Protein backbone atom coordinates (compact mmCIF):
# COMPACT_ATOMS: atom_id res chain seq x y z
CA MET A 1 -13.13 76.40 -60.38
CA LYS A 2 -13.78 73.33 -58.24
CA SER A 3 -12.26 74.98 -55.17
CA SER A 4 -14.33 78.10 -55.87
CA VAL A 5 -17.52 76.04 -55.99
CA THR A 6 -16.66 74.15 -52.82
CA SER A 7 -15.53 77.22 -50.90
CA SER A 8 -18.55 79.30 -51.87
CA THR A 9 -20.82 76.38 -51.03
CA VAL A 10 -19.31 76.15 -47.55
CA ALA A 11 -19.90 79.87 -47.08
CA VAL A 12 -23.54 79.58 -48.15
CA MET A 13 -24.00 76.49 -45.96
CA LEU A 14 -22.73 78.37 -42.93
CA ALA A 15 -24.97 81.33 -43.73
CA MET A 16 -27.97 79.04 -44.17
CA LEU A 17 -27.21 77.09 -41.00
CA LEU A 18 -28.56 79.92 -38.87
CA SER A 19 -31.75 79.89 -40.91
CA MET A 20 -32.11 76.14 -40.53
CA VAL A 21 -31.50 76.18 -36.77
CA LEU A 22 -34.10 78.91 -36.39
CA GLY A 23 -36.42 76.86 -38.59
CA PHE A 24 -36.15 73.96 -36.19
CA ALA A 25 -36.72 76.33 -33.30
CA ARG A 26 -39.88 77.49 -35.04
CA GLU A 27 -41.12 73.91 -35.42
CA VAL A 28 -40.30 73.20 -31.76
CA VAL A 29 -42.33 76.24 -30.74
CA ASN A 30 -45.21 75.21 -33.02
CA ALA A 31 -45.13 71.67 -31.62
CA LYS A 32 -45.26 72.96 -28.06
CA TYR A 33 -48.15 75.36 -28.60
CA PHE A 34 -50.16 73.60 -31.30
CA GLY A 35 -49.04 69.93 -31.37
CA GLU A 36 -50.97 68.21 -34.16
CA ARG A 37 -54.28 69.95 -33.51
CA TRP A 38 -56.71 70.75 -36.31
CA GLU A 39 -55.89 74.46 -36.11
CA LEU A 40 -52.37 73.75 -37.33
CA ASP A 41 -53.77 71.65 -40.17
CA ALA A 42 -55.89 74.67 -41.15
CA PHE A 43 -52.87 76.96 -41.10
CA LEU A 44 -50.82 74.59 -43.26
CA VAL A 45 -53.61 74.51 -45.83
CA ALA A 46 -53.90 78.30 -45.75
CA ALA A 47 -50.15 78.64 -46.22
CA ILE A 48 -50.13 76.42 -49.29
CA VAL A 49 -52.95 78.20 -51.10
CA PRO A 50 -51.00 81.44 -51.84
CA THR A 51 -48.00 79.28 -52.70
CA LEU A 52 -50.06 77.16 -55.05
CA VAL A 53 -51.66 80.10 -56.82
CA PHE A 54 -48.79 82.58 -57.00
CA GLY A 55 -45.75 81.20 -55.18
CA VAL A 56 -44.48 79.63 -58.39
CA PHE A 57 -43.29 83.07 -59.43
CA ASN A 58 -40.57 83.21 -56.77
CA GLY A 59 -38.71 79.99 -57.57
CA ALA A 60 -39.47 80.26 -61.27
CA LEU A 61 -38.16 83.81 -61.47
CA VAL A 62 -34.90 82.93 -59.74
CA SER A 63 -34.37 79.96 -62.06
CA ALA A 64 -35.23 81.94 -65.19
CA LEU A 65 -33.52 85.22 -64.36
CA VAL A 66 -30.12 84.00 -63.14
CA PRO A 67 -29.01 82.81 -66.63
CA ILE A 68 -30.23 86.07 -68.19
CA PHE A 69 -28.56 88.31 -65.60
CA SER A 70 -25.39 86.19 -65.73
CA GLY A 71 -25.27 86.66 -69.50
CA TYR A 72 -25.53 90.45 -69.14
CA PHE A 73 -22.78 90.59 -66.53
CA ALA A 74 -20.53 88.21 -68.47
CA ALA A 75 -20.87 90.55 -71.48
CA ALA A 76 -20.28 93.66 -69.31
CA LYS A 77 -23.78 94.97 -70.06
CA ASP A 78 -24.58 96.10 -66.52
CA GLU A 79 -26.91 98.93 -67.56
CA GLU A 80 -29.05 96.46 -69.50
CA ALA A 81 -29.27 94.31 -66.38
CA TRP A 82 -30.43 97.28 -64.28
CA ARG A 83 -33.06 98.36 -66.81
CA PHE A 84 -34.33 94.82 -67.31
CA SER A 85 -34.48 93.97 -63.58
CA SER A 86 -36.32 97.23 -62.83
CA THR A 87 -38.85 96.48 -65.55
CA VAL A 88 -39.50 93.03 -64.07
CA ILE A 89 -39.86 94.41 -60.53
CA ASN A 90 -42.25 97.20 -61.56
CA GLY A 91 -44.32 94.87 -63.71
CA LEU A 92 -44.68 92.31 -60.94
CA ILE A 93 -45.84 94.93 -58.44
CA ILE A 94 -48.67 95.94 -60.78
CA VAL A 95 -49.77 92.48 -61.92
CA LEU A 96 -49.46 90.58 -58.64
CA SER A 97 -51.21 93.27 -56.62
CA ALA A 98 -54.25 92.89 -58.88
CA LEU A 99 -54.09 89.10 -58.76
CA ALA A 100 -53.82 89.15 -54.97
CA VAL A 101 -57.14 90.97 -54.78
CA VAL A 102 -58.78 88.36 -57.02
CA ALA A 103 -57.34 85.49 -54.95
CA TRP A 104 -58.50 87.16 -51.72
CA ILE A 105 -62.06 87.10 -53.03
CA ALA A 106 -61.73 83.50 -54.25
CA ALA A 107 -60.17 82.20 -51.00
CA PRO A 108 -63.20 80.08 -49.90
CA ALA A 109 -63.23 78.19 -53.20
CA LEU A 110 -59.47 77.69 -53.11
CA VAL A 111 -59.62 76.19 -49.62
CA ARG A 112 -62.39 73.80 -50.66
CA ILE A 113 -60.22 72.62 -53.57
CA VAL A 114 -57.11 72.04 -51.45
CA ALA A 115 -58.78 70.51 -48.37
CA LYS A 116 -61.81 68.59 -49.53
CA GLY A 117 -62.09 66.69 -46.25
CA PHE A 118 -62.20 69.75 -43.97
CA PRO A 119 -65.49 70.29 -42.11
CA GLY A 120 -67.19 73.70 -42.36
CA PRO A 121 -65.69 75.43 -39.28
CA GLU A 122 -62.17 74.25 -40.11
CA ALA A 123 -62.54 75.38 -43.72
CA GLY A 124 -63.79 78.76 -42.51
CA VAL A 125 -60.73 79.29 -40.32
CA ALA A 126 -58.44 78.26 -43.18
CA THR A 127 -60.17 80.81 -45.44
CA VAL A 128 -59.55 83.67 -43.00
CA MET A 129 -55.90 82.64 -42.68
CA THR A 130 -55.54 82.45 -46.46
CA ARG A 131 -56.79 86.01 -46.85
CA ILE A 132 -54.33 87.27 -44.25
CA LEU A 133 -51.42 85.60 -46.07
CA MET A 134 -52.44 86.51 -49.62
CA PRO A 135 -50.73 89.97 -49.83
CA THR A 136 -47.36 88.34 -49.14
CA ILE A 137 -47.21 87.02 -52.71
CA VAL A 138 -46.07 90.44 -53.94
CA ALA A 139 -43.18 90.63 -51.47
CA THR A 140 -41.99 87.06 -52.07
CA SER A 141 -41.98 87.51 -55.85
CA ILE A 142 -39.98 90.74 -55.70
CA ALA A 143 -37.60 89.01 -53.28
CA GLY A 144 -37.07 86.34 -55.95
CA VAL A 145 -36.04 88.91 -58.56
CA ILE A 146 -33.57 90.55 -56.19
CA GLN A 147 -32.15 87.18 -55.17
CA ALA A 148 -31.56 86.26 -58.82
CA LEU A 149 -29.84 89.59 -59.46
CA LEU A 150 -27.54 89.20 -56.46
CA ASN A 151 -26.76 85.54 -57.15
CA ALA A 152 -25.82 86.38 -60.73
CA GLN A 153 -23.15 88.64 -59.21
CA ARG A 154 -21.97 85.72 -57.00
CA SER A 155 -23.50 87.35 -53.90
CA TYR A 156 -25.24 84.63 -51.91
CA ARG A 157 -25.14 85.30 -48.19
CA VAL A 158 -28.06 87.71 -47.74
CA ALA A 159 -30.39 85.56 -49.84
CA SER A 160 -29.37 82.55 -47.74
CA LEU A 161 -30.54 84.41 -44.64
CA GLN A 162 -34.08 84.97 -45.89
CA GLY A 163 -35.22 81.94 -43.96
CA ALA A 164 -33.76 83.37 -40.76
CA ALA A 165 -35.86 86.50 -41.14
CA LEU A 166 -39.02 84.44 -41.63
CA ASN A 167 -38.30 82.15 -38.71
CA VAL A 168 -37.43 84.95 -36.28
CA CYS A 169 -40.66 86.78 -37.04
CA THR A 170 -42.71 83.60 -36.68
CA ILE A 171 -41.11 82.53 -33.38
CA VAL A 172 -41.41 85.97 -31.80
CA ALA A 173 -45.03 86.34 -32.90
CA VAL A 174 -46.08 82.99 -31.41
CA LEU A 175 -44.24 83.57 -28.13
CA VAL A 176 -45.59 87.11 -27.71
CA LEU A 177 -49.07 86.93 -29.25
CA PHE A 178 -50.23 83.37 -28.56
CA LYS A 179 -52.27 84.24 -25.46
CA LEU A 180 -54.11 86.97 -27.34
CA TYR A 181 -54.60 85.41 -30.77
CA GLY A 182 -53.97 81.66 -30.50
CA ILE A 183 -53.22 80.09 -33.87
CA TYR A 184 -53.51 83.48 -35.56
CA ALA A 185 -50.27 84.51 -33.86
CA LEU A 186 -48.60 82.02 -36.20
CA VAL A 187 -50.42 83.50 -39.19
CA PHE A 188 -49.44 87.09 -38.34
CA GLY A 189 -45.83 86.08 -37.70
CA THR A 190 -45.63 84.20 -41.00
CA ALA A 191 -47.01 87.15 -42.95
CA ALA A 192 -44.53 89.51 -41.30
CA GLY A 193 -41.68 87.08 -41.95
CA LEU A 194 -42.48 86.78 -45.66
CA PHE A 195 -42.25 90.56 -46.02
CA ALA A 196 -39.03 90.50 -43.98
CA GLN A 197 -37.46 88.18 -46.59
CA LEU A 198 -37.69 91.05 -49.05
CA LEU A 199 -36.64 93.79 -46.64
CA ILE A 200 -33.36 92.15 -45.58
CA GLN A 201 -32.21 92.05 -49.21
CA ILE A 202 -32.96 95.71 -49.95
CA PRO A 203 -29.72 97.20 -48.47
CA ASN A 204 -27.48 94.81 -50.44
CA TYR A 205 -29.58 95.38 -53.55
CA LEU A 206 -29.26 99.17 -53.29
CA ARG A 207 -25.51 98.88 -52.67
CA ARG A 208 -24.76 96.53 -55.59
CA CYS A 209 -27.50 97.31 -58.10
CA LYS A 210 -29.25 100.29 -59.66
CA TYR A 211 -33.01 100.66 -59.69
CA ARG A 212 -34.70 102.40 -62.61
CA PHE A 213 -38.25 103.78 -62.47
CA VAL A 214 -39.06 102.23 -65.83
CA LEU A 215 -41.39 99.74 -67.47
CA ASP A 216 -39.71 98.88 -70.77
CA LEU A 217 -42.06 96.35 -72.35
CA ASN A 218 -39.88 96.24 -75.48
CA HIS A 219 -36.71 95.22 -73.65
CA PRO A 220 -35.13 92.17 -75.36
CA GLY A 221 -34.62 90.56 -71.96
CA LEU A 222 -38.39 90.15 -71.66
CA ARG A 223 -38.45 87.99 -74.77
CA SER A 224 -35.67 85.81 -73.36
CA LEU A 225 -37.53 85.65 -70.06
CA ALA A 226 -40.77 84.61 -71.76
CA ILE A 227 -39.02 81.77 -73.57
CA ILE A 228 -37.32 80.46 -70.42
CA LEU A 229 -39.98 81.34 -67.85
CA GLY A 230 -42.97 79.63 -69.42
CA PRO A 231 -41.79 76.05 -68.93
CA ILE A 232 -40.28 76.89 -65.53
CA VAL A 233 -43.58 78.34 -64.30
CA VAL A 234 -45.30 75.17 -65.45
CA GLY A 235 -42.64 73.11 -63.66
CA SER A 236 -43.01 75.15 -60.46
CA ALA A 237 -46.77 74.84 -60.68
CA VAL A 238 -46.38 71.09 -61.11
CA GLY A 239 -44.38 71.00 -57.88
CA GLN A 240 -47.09 72.95 -56.08
CA VAL A 241 -49.73 70.59 -57.45
CA ASN A 242 -47.75 67.81 -55.80
CA LEU A 243 -48.11 69.61 -52.47
CA LEU A 244 -51.78 70.17 -53.12
CA PHE A 245 -52.43 66.47 -53.66
CA ASP A 246 -50.47 65.59 -50.51
CA LYS A 247 -52.71 67.90 -48.48
CA TYR A 248 -55.77 66.67 -50.37
CA PHE A 249 -55.15 63.02 -49.55
CA ALA A 250 -54.04 63.75 -45.98
CA SER A 251 -57.17 65.83 -45.31
CA THR A 252 -59.23 62.65 -45.70
CA LEU A 253 -57.36 61.02 -42.80
CA GLN A 254 -57.70 61.66 -39.07
CA PRO A 255 -56.95 65.19 -37.81
CA GLY A 256 -53.27 65.77 -37.17
CA ASN A 257 -51.92 63.87 -40.16
CA ILE A 258 -51.20 67.02 -42.16
CA ALA A 259 -49.27 68.41 -39.19
CA ALA A 260 -47.35 65.13 -38.84
CA MET A 261 -46.35 65.32 -42.49
CA GLN A 262 -45.24 68.90 -41.97
CA TYR A 263 -42.96 68.04 -39.03
CA ALA A 264 -41.50 65.04 -40.87
CA THR A 265 -40.77 66.95 -44.06
CA LYS A 266 -39.19 69.80 -42.09
CA VAL A 267 -36.67 67.43 -40.51
CA VAL A 268 -35.90 65.70 -43.80
CA GLY A 269 -35.68 69.09 -45.46
CA PHE A 270 -32.87 70.19 -43.15
CA PRO A 271 -30.01 68.53 -45.09
CA GLN A 272 -31.80 69.25 -48.36
CA GLN A 273 -32.04 72.98 -47.70
CA LEU A 274 -28.71 73.34 -45.95
CA PHE A 275 -26.60 71.42 -48.45
CA ALA A 276 -28.37 70.65 -51.74
CA VAL A 277 -29.91 74.09 -52.10
CA ALA A 278 -26.61 75.71 -51.09
CA ILE A 279 -24.72 73.71 -53.71
CA ALA A 280 -27.31 74.46 -56.41
CA THR A 281 -27.35 78.15 -55.48
CA VAL A 282 -23.57 78.43 -55.87
CA ILE A 283 -23.14 76.47 -59.10
CA PHE A 284 -26.17 77.92 -60.92
CA PRO A 285 -24.66 81.30 -61.90
CA ILE A 286 -21.30 79.61 -62.56
CA LEU A 287 -22.94 77.10 -64.92
CA SER A 288 -24.90 79.90 -66.60
CA ALA A 289 -21.76 81.94 -67.21
CA GLN A 290 -19.89 78.87 -68.51
CA PHE A 291 -22.71 78.10 -70.92
CA ALA A 292 -22.85 81.75 -72.06
CA THR A 293 -19.12 81.64 -72.90
CA ASN A 294 -19.33 78.13 -74.42
CA GLU A 295 -17.05 76.53 -71.79
CA LEU A 296 -18.80 73.16 -71.98
CA VAL A 297 -15.97 71.12 -70.45
CA SER A 298 -15.90 73.43 -67.44
CA LEU A 299 -19.70 73.26 -67.21
CA ARG A 300 -19.57 69.47 -67.10
CA ASN A 301 -16.88 69.47 -64.40
CA THR A 302 -18.79 72.00 -62.29
CA ALA A 303 -21.98 69.96 -62.54
CA PHE A 304 -20.29 66.70 -61.53
CA THR A 305 -18.53 68.45 -58.64
CA GLY A 306 -21.92 69.64 -57.40
CA LEU A 307 -23.42 66.15 -57.71
CA ARG A 308 -20.54 64.52 -55.81
CA MET A 309 -20.86 67.05 -53.00
CA THR A 310 -24.62 66.51 -52.92
CA ALA A 311 -24.22 62.74 -52.61
CA LEU A 312 -21.56 63.14 -49.92
CA ILE A 313 -24.02 64.97 -47.69
CA THR A 314 -27.46 63.59 -48.50
CA ILE A 315 -26.73 59.86 -48.56
CA PRO A 316 -25.44 59.69 -44.96
CA ALA A 317 -28.12 62.17 -43.90
CA ALA A 318 -30.85 59.88 -45.26
CA PHE A 319 -29.45 56.79 -43.54
CA GLY A 320 -29.01 58.72 -40.30
CA LEU A 321 -32.60 60.00 -40.35
CA ILE A 322 -33.91 56.49 -40.94
CA ALA A 323 -31.78 54.93 -38.20
CA LEU A 324 -32.52 57.60 -35.57
CA ALA A 325 -36.03 58.70 -36.56
CA ARG A 326 -37.70 58.19 -33.19
CA PRO A 327 -34.95 59.77 -31.04
CA ILE A 328 -34.76 62.77 -33.35
CA ILE A 329 -38.51 63.43 -33.38
CA SER A 330 -38.79 62.83 -29.64
CA VAL A 331 -35.98 65.23 -28.73
CA LEU A 332 -37.11 67.92 -31.15
CA PHE A 333 -40.86 67.94 -30.57
CA GLU A 334 -42.09 65.74 -27.69
CA ARG A 335 -43.33 68.36 -25.24
CA GLY A 336 -46.51 70.29 -24.54
CA GLU A 337 -49.24 69.33 -27.01
CA PHE A 338 -46.93 66.94 -28.90
CA THR A 339 -47.45 63.47 -27.38
CA SER A 340 -45.59 60.16 -27.58
CA GLY A 341 -48.21 58.93 -30.04
CA ASP A 342 -47.42 61.90 -32.26
CA VAL A 343 -43.74 60.91 -32.07
CA VAL A 344 -44.45 57.43 -33.43
CA ARG A 345 -46.63 58.71 -36.27
CA THR A 346 -44.24 61.48 -37.30
CA ALA A 347 -41.11 59.32 -37.03
CA GLY A 348 -42.64 56.65 -39.26
CA ALA A 349 -43.50 59.18 -41.95
CA MET A 350 -40.04 60.74 -41.69
CA GLN A 351 -38.33 57.42 -42.41
CA PHE A 352 -40.25 57.03 -45.65
CA TYR A 353 -39.57 60.64 -46.66
CA ALA A 354 -35.85 60.16 -45.95
CA VAL A 355 -35.65 57.35 -48.51
CA GLY A 356 -36.13 59.91 -51.27
CA LEU A 357 -33.74 62.54 -49.89
CA LEU A 358 -30.97 61.87 -52.43
CA GLY A 359 -33.50 62.01 -55.25
CA ILE A 360 -34.82 65.38 -54.11
CA ALA A 361 -31.36 66.84 -53.63
CA ALA A 362 -29.94 65.52 -56.91
CA SER A 363 -33.01 66.76 -58.80
CA ILE A 364 -32.45 70.27 -57.44
CA VAL A 365 -28.87 70.31 -58.72
CA LEU A 366 -29.64 68.63 -62.05
CA THR A 367 -32.60 70.90 -62.76
CA ARG A 368 -30.35 73.94 -62.30
CA CYS A 369 -27.90 72.37 -64.76
CA PHE A 370 -30.59 72.20 -67.44
CA PHE A 371 -31.83 75.71 -66.66
CA ALA A 372 -28.27 77.05 -66.95
CA MET A 373 -28.14 75.58 -70.46
CA HIS A 374 -31.40 77.43 -71.27
CA ASP A 375 -33.29 74.14 -71.40
CA SER A 376 -36.31 74.55 -69.16
CA LYS A 377 -38.54 72.12 -71.06
CA THR A 378 -36.77 68.86 -70.23
CA PRO A 379 -37.01 69.18 -66.41
CA VAL A 380 -40.63 70.34 -66.70
CA VAL A 381 -41.71 67.38 -68.82
CA ILE A 382 -40.03 64.98 -66.40
CA ALA A 383 -41.50 66.74 -63.36
CA THR A 384 -44.98 66.55 -64.85
CA ALA A 385 -44.68 62.82 -65.47
CA VAL A 386 -43.33 62.34 -61.95
CA VAL A 387 -46.33 64.15 -60.45
CA VAL A 388 -48.63 61.72 -62.23
CA LEU A 389 -46.59 58.85 -60.78
CA ASN A 390 -46.80 60.37 -57.29
CA VAL A 391 -50.55 60.99 -57.45
CA VAL A 392 -51.33 57.50 -58.71
CA SER A 393 -49.07 55.91 -56.11
CA SER A 394 -50.55 58.08 -53.34
CA ALA A 395 -54.10 57.20 -54.31
CA LEU A 396 -53.23 53.49 -54.21
CA THR A 397 -51.41 53.59 -50.86
CA VAL A 398 -53.09 56.27 -48.68
CA GLY A 399 -56.09 54.14 -47.77
CA ARG A 400 -53.99 51.26 -46.46
CA PHE A 401 -50.84 52.97 -45.23
CA GLY A 402 -51.98 56.52 -44.43
CA ILE A 403 -49.29 59.20 -44.41
CA ASN A 404 -46.58 56.52 -44.66
CA GLY A 405 -48.00 55.65 -48.07
CA LEU A 406 -47.95 59.33 -49.08
CA ALA A 407 -44.34 59.68 -47.90
CA ALA A 408 -43.24 56.53 -49.73
CA SER A 409 -44.95 57.75 -52.91
CA ASN A 410 -43.09 61.06 -52.68
CA SER A 411 -39.77 59.27 -52.26
CA LEU A 412 -40.41 56.96 -55.20
CA ALA A 413 -41.27 59.92 -57.42
CA SER A 414 -38.17 61.85 -56.31
CA LEU A 415 -35.80 58.96 -57.02
CA VAL A 416 -37.31 58.35 -60.45
CA GLU A 417 -37.05 62.05 -61.32
CA ALA A 418 -33.38 62.20 -60.32
CA ALA A 419 -32.52 59.02 -62.24
CA VAL A 420 -34.12 60.27 -65.45
CA LEU A 421 -32.57 63.74 -65.15
CA ALA A 422 -29.12 62.23 -64.54
CA TYR A 423 -29.43 59.93 -67.55
CA LEU A 424 -30.46 62.77 -69.86
CA PHE A 425 -27.81 65.14 -68.51
CA VAL A 426 -25.03 62.60 -69.03
CA ARG A 427 -26.20 62.18 -72.63
CA ARG A 428 -26.39 65.95 -73.08
CA VAL A 429 -22.85 66.70 -71.92
CA GLY A 430 -21.36 64.03 -74.14
CA VAL A 431 -19.88 61.50 -71.72
CA VAL A 432 -20.87 57.90 -71.16
CA ALA A 433 -20.27 58.10 -67.42
CA ASP A 434 -18.24 60.01 -64.88
CA VAL A 435 -16.08 57.36 -63.23
CA ARG A 436 -15.07 59.55 -60.33
CA THR A 437 -18.68 60.44 -59.52
CA SER A 438 -19.69 56.75 -59.60
CA ALA A 439 -16.78 55.77 -57.34
CA SER A 440 -17.57 58.60 -54.91
CA PHE A 441 -21.24 57.57 -54.81
CA GLY A 442 -20.41 53.93 -54.08
CA ALA A 443 -17.91 54.75 -51.35
CA THR A 444 -20.33 57.20 -49.71
CA LEU A 445 -23.07 54.56 -49.77
CA VAL A 446 -20.86 51.99 -48.01
CA ALA A 447 -19.77 54.51 -45.37
CA SER A 448 -23.39 55.57 -44.81
CA VAL A 449 -24.61 52.01 -44.27
CA SER A 450 -21.86 51.50 -41.71
CA MET A 451 -22.80 54.75 -39.99
CA ALA A 452 -26.51 53.84 -39.81
CA ALA A 453 -25.75 50.38 -38.39
CA VAL A 454 -23.58 51.79 -35.61
CA ALA A 455 -26.01 54.61 -34.77
CA SER A 456 -28.97 52.22 -34.67
CA LEU A 457 -27.16 49.75 -32.40
CA VAL A 458 -26.17 52.48 -29.94
CA SER A 459 -29.63 54.04 -29.91
CA THR A 460 -31.43 50.71 -29.45
CA ALA A 461 -29.13 49.69 -26.60
CA LEU A 462 -29.50 52.95 -24.65
CA TRP A 463 -33.04 54.16 -25.44
CA ARG A 464 -35.68 54.12 -22.69
CA VAL A 465 -39.19 55.25 -23.62
CA ALA A 466 -40.08 56.59 -20.18
CA ALA A 467 -36.75 58.36 -19.63
CA PRO A 468 -36.62 62.16 -19.18
CA PHE A 469 -35.73 64.60 -21.94
CA TRP A 470 -32.06 64.91 -20.99
CA HIS A 471 -31.62 61.14 -21.30
CA HIS A 472 -33.25 61.07 -24.74
CA ALA A 473 -31.10 63.99 -25.89
CA ALA A 474 -27.95 62.30 -24.58
CA VAL A 475 -28.78 59.02 -26.33
CA MET A 476 -29.43 60.83 -29.61
CA LEU A 477 -26.18 62.76 -29.33
CA VAL A 478 -24.12 59.67 -28.47
CA ALA A 479 -25.68 57.70 -31.32
CA MET A 480 -25.00 60.53 -33.77
CA LEU A 481 -21.40 60.88 -32.66
CA ALA A 482 -20.81 57.13 -32.87
CA GLY A 483 -22.40 56.96 -36.32
CA GLY A 484 -20.50 60.04 -37.50
CA LEU A 485 -17.22 58.57 -36.32
CA ALA A 486 -17.98 55.33 -38.15
CA PHE A 487 -18.73 57.29 -41.33
CA LEU A 488 -15.48 59.25 -41.13
CA MET A 489 -13.42 56.13 -40.47
CA VAL A 490 -14.94 54.15 -43.33
CA GLY A 491 -14.86 57.22 -45.59
CA ALA A 492 -11.17 57.75 -44.86
CA ALA A 493 -10.44 54.08 -45.51
CA LEU A 494 -12.26 54.30 -48.86
CA ARG A 495 -10.51 57.62 -49.62
CA ILE A 496 -13.54 59.74 -50.38
CA ARG A 497 -11.72 62.77 -51.74
CA GLU A 498 -14.62 65.22 -51.40
CA LEU A 499 -14.81 64.42 -47.70
CA SER A 500 -11.25 65.56 -47.06
CA GLU A 501 -11.70 68.64 -49.24
CA LEU A 502 -14.90 69.65 -47.47
CA TRP A 503 -13.32 69.10 -44.06
CA ALA A 504 -10.30 71.24 -45.01
CA LEU A 505 -12.51 74.09 -46.18
CA LEU A 506 -14.72 73.93 -43.09
CA SER A 507 -11.61 74.06 -40.89
CA GLN A 508 -10.32 77.02 -42.87
CA ARG A 509 -13.60 78.86 -42.39
CA VAL A 510 -13.60 78.25 -38.65
CA HIS A 511 -10.01 79.35 -38.12
CA LYS A 512 -9.57 82.09 -40.70
CA GLY A 513 -13.03 83.63 -40.99
CA ALA A 514 -15.08 84.27 -44.07
CA GLY A 515 -12.46 84.35 -46.87
CA SER A 516 -13.88 82.84 -50.05
CA ALA A 517 -12.75 82.22 -53.59
CA ALA A 518 -16.06 83.63 -54.79
CA PRO A 519 -17.24 87.00 -53.51
CA LEU A 520 -20.26 86.93 -51.28
């Protein structure tokens, strides 16, 4: 089972890598054309409003439906899965279409709530953008149902490429339409990309699944969904409230701070999305099936394997982002409207966000563990308390430290959430501690510190502020290679077993193609 988890995770990581690279390309394009201008701040507020109001359905549906679908497939009740999934899809189309109309009308009030500090013209532009994006909530929610259905069948690749579809549409729209529509080219591209996330899954859905033109409100799966979904929706909403408060506090600062936070979180989110989400995506249906068949020992082993792999990736990633913050931001974004001053501001925020990277990643994996065990209340209660901690900390620090205070507050909240979830999960699965996980964590931490020290020394020695782009890129690359080599050497000396296993599987993928222990 461990090799299946690792192998499938590698496959999903490789599939998601394209999405992540295109995501960076999108941010580079946005930085070139929009920099940290107020128009981009308005777009980011407009983008969060549909997410805040309705976007909870996507993530919540995936988290709630995977255990239910996995249970049907484990019991060989495929027809029940088709009837239930069709009922959910048809119901969402009806309900969310009506709610989208209501939210379109209420867009001005929603923008005023999210961005209190916006002046009138900026709020007006954000309102128009919000209305353009509002219909996408239907497509993204249906995409969530289909993703859950495919993941429950251990089919991950297409869902992992949803981000690629979004990013391609956004990049093309900005490059082609910018001269005609300005910032609205980004809005149109984003709307098209959100619909594309649904469309790319349709062929695989039709090939693997069966749609029924039915709305069975008495289906027993709906009762199971109601029990699981309620707390998850609250938890997803809590996460969106976190984003709302970030934008709320940042809107009271100078223009450009919301955009700086966006760029910083995108960079920090790269290892989180590529690795932690990939690991959680792979182990979630496996954990759900193990819980459904009462294989608790296997469930525990799968969970700890996922946590060790998460630590192996995110700890060195966090140290690397902190050590090389300025070179990374400069190489990625410093061109066009994105100035050297923007580099300093964004790099500083990114360092504080990176501190909480392990907390964010571990929380993603641990939350899926609880959801797989049909316990959606525990993560929600913890997430709610953590939001309160984040809001209080942000309110106390934003005035003095600006977006750095907001980033530090986010990291503190993420680390606390992960620590509490880990403590409760260890108690739930009936072990005092997992010695191997603790040893792997400690060894990875030592190797990561060594890596960061080497990378920082190389970067500091070679960096020249006024040097051209190619010099900055070369310095960043050399520093990364030197730090990576240091990590591998120290990791090998400390015998981090997951490192050798991951390297072997990556090599196998490169040389032998896409063979996997779990079907994709």
